[in-house]
Protein backbone atom coordinates (compact mmCIF):
# COMPACT_ATOMS: atom_id res chain seq x y z
CA MET A 1 24.08 23.63 97.87
CA GLY A 2 26.22 20.69 97.04
CA THR A 3 25.02 17.68 95.02
CA GLN A 4 24.07 14.50 97.02
CA ALA A 5 27.40 13.06 96.21
CA GLU A 6 28.94 16.14 97.65
CA VAL A 7 26.96 15.77 100.57
CA GLU A 8 27.99 12.00 101.22
CA GLN A 9 31.77 13.10 100.80
CA GLY A 10 31.54 16.19 102.94
CA ALA A 11 29.71 19.54 102.29
CA PRO A 12 31.37 22.34 100.28
CA THR A 13 33.80 24.15 102.43
CA GLY A 14 31.39 27.59 102.40
CA THR A 15 28.49 25.45 103.87
CA GLN A 16 30.53 23.78 106.28
CA ARG A 17 32.03 27.18 107.59
CA ARG A 18 28.36 28.73 107.69
CA VAL A 19 26.76 26.10 109.61
CA ALA A 20 29.83 25.54 112.01
CA SER A 21 29.56 29.24 112.76
CA ALA A 22 25.82 29.20 112.89
CA ALA A 23 26.09 26.36 115.76
CA GLU A 24 27.63 29.08 118.12
CA VAL A 25 25.21 30.25 120.79
CA ASN A 26 26.12 32.65 123.47
CA MET A 27 25.43 30.41 126.64
CA ASP A 28 26.32 33.26 129.15
CA GLU A 29 23.50 35.23 127.75
CA LEU A 30 21.02 32.42 127.83
CA ALA A 31 22.02 31.64 131.51
CA GLN A 32 21.54 35.07 132.67
CA ARG A 33 17.98 34.91 130.93
CA CYS A 34 17.00 31.52 132.39
CA GLY A 35 18.41 32.83 136.20
CA VAL A 36 20.87 30.22 136.51
CA PRO A 37 23.37 30.51 139.26
CA PRO A 38 26.61 32.14 138.23
CA LEU A 39 28.88 29.20 139.23
CA VAL A 40 27.20 26.90 136.75
CA ARG A 41 29.38 26.66 133.49
CA PHE A 42 27.91 25.47 130.33
CA SER A 43 30.15 23.82 127.52
CA PHE A 44 29.31 22.56 124.06
CA VAL A 45 30.45 19.12 123.22
CA GLU A 46 32.88 18.67 120.35
CA GLY A 47 31.16 16.44 118.11
CA GLY A 48 28.16 16.20 120.23
CA GLY A 49 24.89 15.09 119.27
CA VAL A 50 21.80 12.67 120.11
CA THR A 51 23.82 10.21 121.89
CA SER A 52 25.87 12.53 123.89
CA ALA A 53 23.59 11.81 127.02
CA LYS A 54 23.93 8.78 128.96
CA GLY A 55 21.43 6.02 128.30
CA PHE A 56 21.03 6.52 124.57
CA SER A 57 22.24 4.77 121.32
CA ALA A 58 21.39 5.37 117.57
CA ALA A 59 21.89 3.98 114.20
CA GLY A 60 21.35 5.22 110.57
CA VAL A 61 20.83 2.66 107.92
CA HIS A 62 20.12 2.57 104.32
CA ALA A 63 16.44 0.87 104.47
CA GLY A 64 15.42 1.41 101.13
CA PHE A 65 13.08 4.26 101.17
CA ARG A 66 15.56 5.79 98.41
CA ASP A 67 16.89 4.56 95.61
CA ASP A 68 20.54 5.24 96.11
CA PRO A 69 22.17 2.36 98.14
CA HIS A 70 24.83 4.59 99.47
CA ARG A 71 22.44 7.14 100.94
CA LEU A 72 21.24 6.46 104.63
CA ASP A 73 17.46 6.91 105.02
CA MET A 74 16.28 5.49 108.46
CA ALA A 75 17.26 6.76 111.79
CA LEU A 76 16.58 5.03 115.13
CA VAL A 77 17.26 6.47 118.56
CA ALA A 78 16.82 4.32 121.60
CA SER A 79 17.37 4.00 125.25
CA GLY A 80 17.72 1.10 127.35
CA ASP A 81 14.79 1.72 129.74
CA PRO A 82 11.63 3.73 129.31
CA CYS A 83 12.16 7.51 129.31
CA SER A 84 10.22 10.67 130.19
CA CYS A 85 9.06 11.91 126.65
CA ALA A 86 7.71 15.17 125.61
CA ALA A 87 6.97 16.40 122.10
CA THR A 88 5.81 19.22 120.03
CA PHE A 89 4.10 19.01 116.67
CA THR A 90 3.13 20.82 113.49
CA ARG A 91 -0.03 22.97 113.78
CA ASN A 92 -0.62 22.37 110.00
CA VAL A 93 -4.40 21.04 109.69
CA PHE A 94 -3.00 18.63 106.82
CA CYS A 95 -0.57 16.90 109.55
CA SER A 96 0.92 13.42 108.49
CA ALA A 97 0.10 10.27 109.85
CA PRO A 98 3.27 9.87 111.99
CA VAL A 99 2.58 13.13 113.59
CA GLN A 100 -1.10 11.71 114.53
CA VAL A 101 0.44 8.40 115.64
CA SER A 102 3.09 10.06 117.93
CA ARG A 103 0.55 12.36 119.39
CA ALA A 104 -1.71 9.69 120.35
CA HIS A 105 1.23 7.64 121.73
CA LEU A 106 1.55 10.61 124.03
CA GLY A 107 -1.85 10.64 125.14
CA GLY A 108 -2.70 13.68 123.22
CA CYS A 109 -1.05 15.95 125.90
CA GLY A 110 2.37 15.84 124.47
CA TYR A 111 4.23 14.00 127.02
CA GLY A 112 4.45 10.33 128.46
CA THR A 113 6.86 7.51 128.22
CA ALA A 114 8.91 6.34 125.37
CA ARG A 115 11.72 4.11 124.33
CA ALA A 116 12.57 4.69 120.67
CA VAL A 117 12.27 7.19 117.96
CA VAL A 118 12.47 5.85 114.48
CA VAL A 119 12.50 8.44 111.41
CA ASN A 120 12.53 7.77 107.84
CA SER A 121 13.57 10.17 105.12
CA GLY A 122 12.49 10.24 101.54
CA ASN A 123 8.66 9.56 102.28
CA ALA A 124 6.43 12.02 104.28
CA ASN A 125 3.51 9.76 104.68
CA ALA A 126 1.33 12.76 104.67
CA ALA A 127 -1.88 13.21 102.69
CA THR A 128 -2.11 9.35 102.70
CA GLY A 129 -5.57 8.56 104.59
CA GLU A 130 -6.29 5.47 106.46
CA GLN A 131 -3.62 3.46 104.73
CA GLY A 132 -0.84 6.02 105.63
CA LEU A 133 -2.24 5.97 109.27
CA ARG A 134 -1.92 1.90 109.21
CA ALA A 135 1.41 2.21 107.96
CA ALA A 136 2.59 4.82 110.75
CA GLN A 137 1.00 2.53 113.42
CA GLU A 138 2.62 -0.62 111.84
CA THR A 139 5.97 1.12 111.77
CA ALA A 140 5.75 1.52 115.58
CA ARG A 141 4.86 -1.92 116.01
CA LEU A 142 7.65 -3.20 114.16
CA ALA A 143 10.17 -0.60 115.82
CA GLY A 144 8.76 -1.78 119.26
CA GLU A 145 9.08 -5.46 118.31
CA ALA A 146 12.94 -4.73 117.13
CA VAL A 147 13.78 -2.80 120.38
CA GLY A 148 11.80 -4.91 122.87
CA CYS A 149 9.12 -2.57 123.77
CA PRO A 150 5.49 -1.85 123.39
CA ALA A 151 4.40 0.00 120.22
CA SER A 152 2.90 2.73 122.33
CA GLU A 153 6.50 3.52 123.52
CA VAL A 154 7.78 4.18 120.00
CA MET A 155 7.55 7.82 118.39
CA VAL A 156 7.49 7.60 114.67
CA ALA A 157 8.43 10.48 112.15
CA SER A 158 8.66 10.65 108.32
CA THR A 159 9.96 13.35 105.99
CA GLY A 160 10.13 13.43 102.25
CA VAL A 161 7.45 13.62 99.25
CA ILE A 162 3.98 14.27 100.50
CA GLY A 163 1.09 12.24 99.09
CA VAL A 164 3.10 8.94 98.34
CA HIS A 165 2.19 5.84 100.24
CA LEU A 166 4.80 4.68 102.51
CA PRO A 167 6.19 1.12 102.14
CA LEU A 168 6.45 -1.19 105.27
CA GLY A 169 9.23 -3.39 103.41
CA PRO A 170 11.98 -1.06 104.34
CA PHE A 171 10.84 -1.00 107.92
CA GLU A 172 10.86 -4.76 108.06
CA SER A 173 14.27 -5.36 106.86
CA GLY A 174 16.02 -2.12 108.16
CA LEU A 175 14.77 -1.93 111.74
CA PRO A 176 16.45 -5.40 112.74
CA ARG A 177 19.76 -4.14 110.89
CA ALA A 178 19.54 -0.75 112.89
CA VAL A 179 18.94 -2.28 116.28
CA LEU A 180 22.15 -4.35 115.66
CA GLN A 181 24.01 -1.19 114.77
CA LEU A 182 22.73 0.84 117.83
CA SER A 183 25.65 2.27 119.70
CA PRO A 184 26.58 5.69 121.28
CA GLU A 185 28.65 6.28 118.39
CA GLY A 186 25.68 6.09 115.96
CA GLY A 187 24.45 9.48 116.34
CA ALA A 188 26.30 11.11 113.50
CA ARG A 189 24.74 8.37 111.02
CA ALA A 190 21.36 8.93 112.44
CA ALA A 191 21.83 12.65 111.91
CA ARG A 192 22.72 11.99 108.33
CA ALA A 193 20.00 9.34 107.79
CA ILE A 194 17.21 12.24 108.28
CA MET A 195 18.46 14.50 105.96
CA THR A 196 16.34 15.41 102.73
CA THR A 197 17.72 18.80 100.83
CA ASP A 198 19.97 19.34 103.85
CA THR A 199 23.62 19.41 102.76
CA VAL A 200 25.12 18.81 106.01
CA PRO A 201 23.70 17.08 109.28
CA LYS A 202 22.67 19.33 112.19
CA THR A 203 23.86 18.49 115.72
CA ALA A 204 24.78 19.88 118.97
CA ALA A 205 25.21 19.06 122.70
CA VAL A 206 25.66 21.14 125.97
CA ARG A 207 27.11 20.02 129.26
CA PHE A 208 26.79 21.48 132.85
CA PRO A 209 27.89 20.01 136.09
CA GLY A 210 25.39 19.41 138.75
CA ASP A 211 27.62 20.52 141.81
CA ALA A 212 26.16 24.04 142.09
CA VAL A 213 22.60 22.99 141.66
CA GLY A 214 22.33 20.31 144.19
CA TYR A 215 23.42 17.38 142.48
CA PRO A 216 27.17 17.03 143.47
CA GLY A 217 29.43 14.88 141.32
CA ALA A 218 27.10 14.68 138.52
CA THR A 219 27.35 16.24 134.98
CA PHE A 220 24.31 16.61 132.93
CA THR A 221 24.00 16.57 129.00
CA VAL A 222 21.58 17.73 126.71
CA GLY A 223 22.19 16.75 122.94
CA GLY A 224 20.20 16.55 119.81
CA MET A 225 20.02 16.28 116.09
CA ALA A 226 17.74 17.95 113.46
CA LYS A 227 16.91 18.30 109.83
CA GLY A 228 15.44 20.90 108.13
CA SER A 229 16.44 23.06 104.88
CA GLY A 230 13.36 24.07 103.23
CA MET A 231 9.59 24.63 103.62
CA ILE A 232 10.56 26.20 106.76
CA MET A 233 8.24 28.28 108.76
CA PRO A 234 6.71 27.92 112.33
CA ASN A 235 4.88 26.16 113.50
CA MET A 236 7.45 24.26 113.36
CA ALA A 237 8.79 24.24 109.85
CA THR A 238 9.53 21.04 107.87
CA MET A 239 11.73 20.02 110.48
CA ILE A 240 12.21 16.97 112.80
CA ALA A 241 14.52 17.16 115.87
CA VAL A 242 15.20 14.33 118.37
CA VAL A 243 16.86 15.77 121.49
CA THR A 244 17.80 13.77 124.58
CA THR A 245 19.18 14.26 128.07
CA ASP A 246 20.34 12.23 131.04
CA ALA A 247 19.02 14.70 133.54
CA PRO A 248 15.99 13.68 135.80
CA VAL A 249 13.05 15.47 134.60
CA ARG A 250 9.52 14.56 134.91
CA ASP A 251 7.51 14.06 131.90
CA ASP A 252 5.02 16.93 132.40
CA MET A 253 7.84 19.23 133.48
CA LEU A 254 9.93 18.14 130.39
CA HIS A 255 7.04 19.22 128.16
CA ARG A 256 7.01 22.87 129.67
CA CYS A 257 10.60 23.03 129.14
CA LEU A 258 10.45 21.91 125.61
CA VAL A 259 7.53 24.19 124.64
CA CYS A 260 9.62 27.21 126.10
CA ALA A 261 12.83 26.17 124.08
CA VAL A 262 10.87 25.39 120.84
CA GLN A 263 9.59 29.00 121.07
CA GLY A 264 12.68 30.33 121.25
CA SER A 265 14.47 28.49 118.73
CA PHE A 266 12.57 26.28 116.01
CA ASN A 267 9.70 28.72 116.12
CA LYS A 268 11.84 31.64 115.26
CA VAL A 269 13.16 29.93 112.12
CA THR A 270 12.08 30.91 108.32
CA VAL A 271 13.49 29.97 105.18
CA ASP A 272 10.66 30.37 102.82
CA SER A 273 7.43 31.18 105.10
CA ASP A 274 6.19 27.64 104.29
CA THR A 275 4.79 25.38 107.06
CA SER A 276 5.35 21.51 106.89
CA THR A 277 2.71 18.68 107.48
CA ASN A 278 5.41 16.52 109.48
CA ASP A 279 6.98 18.96 111.95
CA SER A 280 7.94 17.08 115.09
CA CYS A 281 10.43 17.67 117.96
CA PHE A 282 10.88 14.94 120.64
CA LEU A 283 12.72 15.17 123.94
CA LEU A 284 13.56 12.12 125.74
CA ALA A 285 15.16 12.10 129.50
CA SER A 286 16.84 8.82 130.84
CA GLY A 287 17.67 10.54 134.15
CA LYS A 288 21.06 8.31 134.02
CA ALA A 289 23.44 10.95 135.23
CA ALA A 290 21.74 11.17 138.49
CA ASP A 291 20.50 7.49 139.06
CA GLY A 292 18.48 7.01 142.32
CA GLN A 293 18.26 10.74 142.92
CA PRO A 294 15.01 12.83 142.80
CA CYS A 295 13.77 14.53 139.83
CA PHE A 296 14.40 18.25 139.29
CA SER A 297 11.75 20.22 141.16
CA GLU A 298 9.83 23.41 139.88
CA GLY A 299 11.64 26.66 140.36
CA SER A 300 14.90 24.80 141.22
CA PRO A 301 18.39 25.88 140.26
CA ALA A 302 18.99 22.52 138.61
CA LEU A 303 15.83 22.95 136.28
CA ALA A 304 16.98 26.65 135.26
CA ALA A 305 20.14 25.21 134.44
CA PHE A 306 18.52 22.35 132.34
CA GLN A 307 16.29 24.97 130.59
CA CYS A 308 19.56 26.81 129.69
CA ALA A 309 21.11 23.98 128.14
CA LEU A 310 17.89 22.85 126.31
CA ASP A 311 17.64 26.33 125.10
CA GLY A 312 21.27 26.18 123.74
CA VAL A 313 20.79 23.07 122.01
CA CYS A 314 17.66 23.77 120.48
CA GLN A 315 18.92 27.43 119.35
CA SER A 316 22.15 26.14 117.96
CA LEU A 317 20.02 23.44 116.06
CA ALA A 318 17.82 26.05 114.51
CA ARG A 319 20.46 28.46 113.54
CA GLN A 320 21.99 25.54 111.74
CA MET A 321 18.81 24.94 109.77
CA ALA A 322 18.77 28.53 108.87
CA ALA A 323 22.25 28.70 107.67
CA ASP A 324 21.62 25.37 105.62
CA GLY A 325 18.64 27.00 104.02
CA GLU A 326 17.92 25.65 100.46
CA GLY A 327 20.47 27.35 98.13
CA ALA A 328 21.37 29.76 100.92
CA THR A 329 24.81 31.48 100.95
CA ARG A 330 24.40 33.50 104.33
CA LEU A 331 22.44 32.98 107.73
CA VAL A 332 20.71 36.02 108.47
CA THR A 333 19.74 37.14 111.94
CA VAL A 334 16.98 39.69 112.44
CA THR A 335 16.59 41.21 115.77
CA VAL A 336 13.80 43.60 116.41
CA SER A 337 13.85 45.86 119.69
CA GLY A 338 11.67 48.66 121.12
CA ALA A 339 8.36 47.22 120.05
CA ALA A 340 5.34 47.79 122.05
CA SER A 341 4.67 44.11 122.51
CA VAL A 342 6.12 40.64 122.08
CA GLN A 343 3.47 39.97 119.50
CA ASP A 344 4.46 43.38 117.54
CA ALA A 345 8.41 42.33 117.97
CA ASP A 346 7.64 38.93 116.44
CA ALA A 347 5.55 40.14 113.59
CA ALA A 348 8.16 42.78 112.55
CA ALA A 349 11.03 40.38 112.83
CA ARG A 350 9.22 37.71 110.84
CA THR A 351 8.11 40.10 108.00
CA VAL A 352 11.43 41.34 107.58
CA ALA A 353 13.04 37.81 107.53
CA ASN A 354 10.29 36.64 105.19
CA SER A 355 10.64 39.34 102.65
CA PRO A 356 11.90 38.11 99.16
CA LEU A 357 13.02 41.59 98.54
CA VAL A 358 15.09 41.55 101.80
CA LYS A 359 16.41 38.03 101.11
CA THR A 360 17.38 38.60 97.50
CA ALA A 361 19.34 42.18 98.49
CA ILE A 362 21.18 40.02 100.99
CA PHE A 363 22.12 37.56 98.23
CA GLY A 364 22.97 40.37 96.07
CA HIS A 365 25.08 42.21 98.99
CA ASP A 366 22.90 45.15 98.90
CA ALA A 367 22.63 47.12 102.10
CA ASN A 368 19.06 48.16 100.70
CA TRP A 369 17.57 49.26 104.19
CA GLY A 370 14.43 50.68 102.35
CA ARG A 371 13.39 47.24 101.83
CA ILE A 372 13.51 46.56 105.62
CA ALA A 373 11.76 49.56 106.35
CA ALA A 374 9.06 48.66 104.03
CA ALA A 375 8.67 45.23 105.57
CA LEU A 376 8.56 46.74 108.97
CA GLY A 377 5.76 49.14 108.02
CA ARG A 378 3.49 46.33 106.64
CA SER A 379 4.18 43.82 109.46
CA GLY A 380 1.33 45.20 111.53
CA ALA A 381 3.50 46.29 114.45
CA ALA A 382 2.65 49.61 115.95
CA PHE A 383 5.26 52.31 115.74
CA ALA A 384 6.03 55.75 114.28
CA GLN A 385 8.35 55.77 111.42
CA GLU A 386 10.21 58.73 112.73
CA ASP A 387 11.41 56.79 115.63
CA VAL A 388 12.76 53.89 113.90
CA ALA A 389 16.58 53.06 113.61
CA ILE A 390 17.89 50.24 111.31
CA SER A 391 21.43 48.96 111.06
CA ILE A 392 22.95 46.27 108.80
CA MET A 393 26.10 44.40 110.14
CA GLY A 394 26.60 46.91 112.46
CA ILE A 395 26.39 49.88 110.30
CA PRO A 396 23.67 52.34 110.88
CA VAL A 397 21.54 53.03 107.90
CA CYS A 398 18.52 54.70 109.04
CA GLN A 399 18.04 56.70 112.16
CA CYS A 400 14.84 58.52 113.01
CA GLY A 401 13.15 57.18 110.12
CA LEU A 402 15.59 58.81 107.69
CA THR A 403 18.77 57.60 105.63
CA VAL A 404 22.18 57.80 107.34
CA PRO A 405 25.17 58.16 104.90
CA PHE A 406 27.38 54.96 105.19
CA ASP A 407 30.45 53.40 103.58
CA GLU A 408 29.19 51.15 100.67
CA ASP A 409 32.63 49.56 100.24
CA GLU A 410 32.58 48.60 104.05
CA ALA A 411 29.29 47.36 103.92
CA LEU A 412 30.23 45.05 100.84
CA ARG A 413 33.24 43.79 102.86
CA ARG A 414 30.94 42.98 105.99
CA PHE A 415 28.52 41.08 103.72
CA GLN A 416 31.55 38.37 103.13
CA ALA A 417 30.85 37.08 106.63
CA PRO A 418 28.96 33.77 106.90
CA GLU A 419 26.29 35.80 109.01
CA VAL A 420 24.36 38.84 108.13
CA VAL A 421 22.94 40.66 111.19
CA ILE A 422 19.80 43.07 110.55
CA GLU A 423 18.87 45.18 113.62
CA ALA A 424 15.83 47.49 113.94
CA ASP A 425 14.56 49.49 116.94
CA LEU A 426 11.07 50.47 116.46
CA GLY A 427 11.30 53.10 119.37
CA ALA A 428 7.90 52.08 120.53
CA GLY A 429 8.42 50.00 123.64
CA GLU A 430 10.58 47.45 125.63
CA CYS A 431 10.09 44.26 123.65
CA SER A 432 12.28 42.50 121.53
CA THR A 433 12.99 39.06 119.56
CA THR A 434 15.25 37.43 117.09
CA VAL A 435 14.36 35.41 114.09
CA TRP A 436 16.81 33.44 112.02
CA THR A 437 16.55 33.06 108.20
CA CYS A 438 18.67 32.95 105.04
CA ASP A 439 18.97 34.82 101.72
CA PHE A 440 17.02 33.67 98.61
CA THR A 441 19.31 32.60 95.45
CA HIS A 442 18.72 31.06 92.11
CA ASP A 443 19.53 27.59 93.75
CA TYR A 444 16.49 27.84 95.83
CA VAL A 445 14.18 27.57 92.81
CA SER A 446 16.22 25.16 90.94
CA ILE A 447 16.07 22.77 94.22
CA ASN A 448 12.28 23.21 94.44
CA GLY A 449 11.68 23.05 90.75
CA ASP A 450 13.25 19.67 90.72
CA TYR A 451 12.47 18.15 94.07
CA ARG A 452 10.28 15.22 93.18
CA SER A 453 12.69 14.27 89.99
C-alpha cells in the first residue's frame, strides 16, 4: 500500500499494474451466459467511468471532512433530468443513517426516481442515532437545493470512521462548489473523492451498439465508480458504488438487473470477511442514448445486452476492489466447480477465500494446497475427499484427494503474476462459482491497527 501522498501523486507501480489487470473482464464469456445475440460486440471504454454514459456529470471536491486540504472528500454525481434509479444496500443490522435515508427515498423497495448521488468520505455517519439520521436527511435537502431537485430525489452515502457524528458544515460549503464543477470530465475526481484506504480509484465503463438489439444507430453505455479496500465481505462489503447508464430501462427492471449483477460481482468479493454498515450500490438510467424510444422490454435482446454490460462493469469494479485490498500484493481468484448445489459452491469458494492460512500462504508464495483442502473440508459443502482435484496457477497439486508431484520452482515463478488463480473441482455435481479476494500481508495489520489515527 502506498502512503496518502503516494496515492495523490499516483499509486505505486505494482498496485497500478495489479488493479489495471484486475479491471479486465471476459465480455465474450459474459455475453454467452446472458444470451446476447452473437452480433452484439462489447467494448471497455478507455478511461471510462461514472460519467461515460450520456446525461451524467460529476465532481469531486475537498469539502472539509478530512483535515488534509489536498485530499478530495466529497463526490457528487448528477443527471440533467430525473432518472430511473435502483439500489442495493448492506444487510448489516447496524446499518448507517445514509443507508436508511436512501432506502426511504426509494420507497423501501429498492427502486424509484433520482437526480443525484452525494457521497462523503472520512465519516461513515453510522451508529449515530437520531442525530445521524437528521444529518443524512439534511444532506439530501442541501444537495437537492444545490442541484435543483426535491430531497427525495437525492441518494446519500457516507464512508469512513463509525460512531462519529457527521458535520453539516462541509456539505453547506462544499455542495455549491461541487455543483459549479459538475461536468462529464469530473468522473475521475469523483472516484478519487470517495476513497478511504483505497490506494487507487476504481472505475470502468462498457459500450455496446443498439443495431443488433432493435435500436439502430444508438450506442449504449454503462459506467461506474466504486470504493472498497478493507472491511470487505458481502453483503455487500464496505463498498460504495455509483453506476450510470444511458439505456432506457424502467426502474423496477433496473432493480432486477442490478440485483443480478451485484450477486455475481460485489457479493463475490471478500478481503477480510467483515461486513460493513454502509454498503450501497446505486444505478441510475437516463435513457439519453435512445431519447423518445421505448424502454427495453422483459426478455428482449436489448435487455440481455444491457445485463451483460452491467455485469461486466460490476465485475470489473469488484475485481479492482479485491486487487486493492488493504495491504494486498496479489488479486486471488477462487473458482469452485463440481459442486452439488449453488450454495455448496459458494460456501466452498468463500471458505477458501476467507482462510487466513490460505491467504498468508499466497503472500509467502507457498503452493500449500493442504490449506485449501482443509478449508474446503470445513466449508459445509457436500463432497467426498477422494473426488477432489485442486490446481494453483494452472498447476495440478491434488488429484483424487491425493498429492500430485509438481515443480516448486515453476509454482514460485507463477506466483509472480498479479493474479493468483485457485481452482477446485469437488466432483459432486455441476454447479460452480467464482469469488475474488487477496492475500494477507503485514501491511493489513498495520493499516487497520492505525485506522483511526
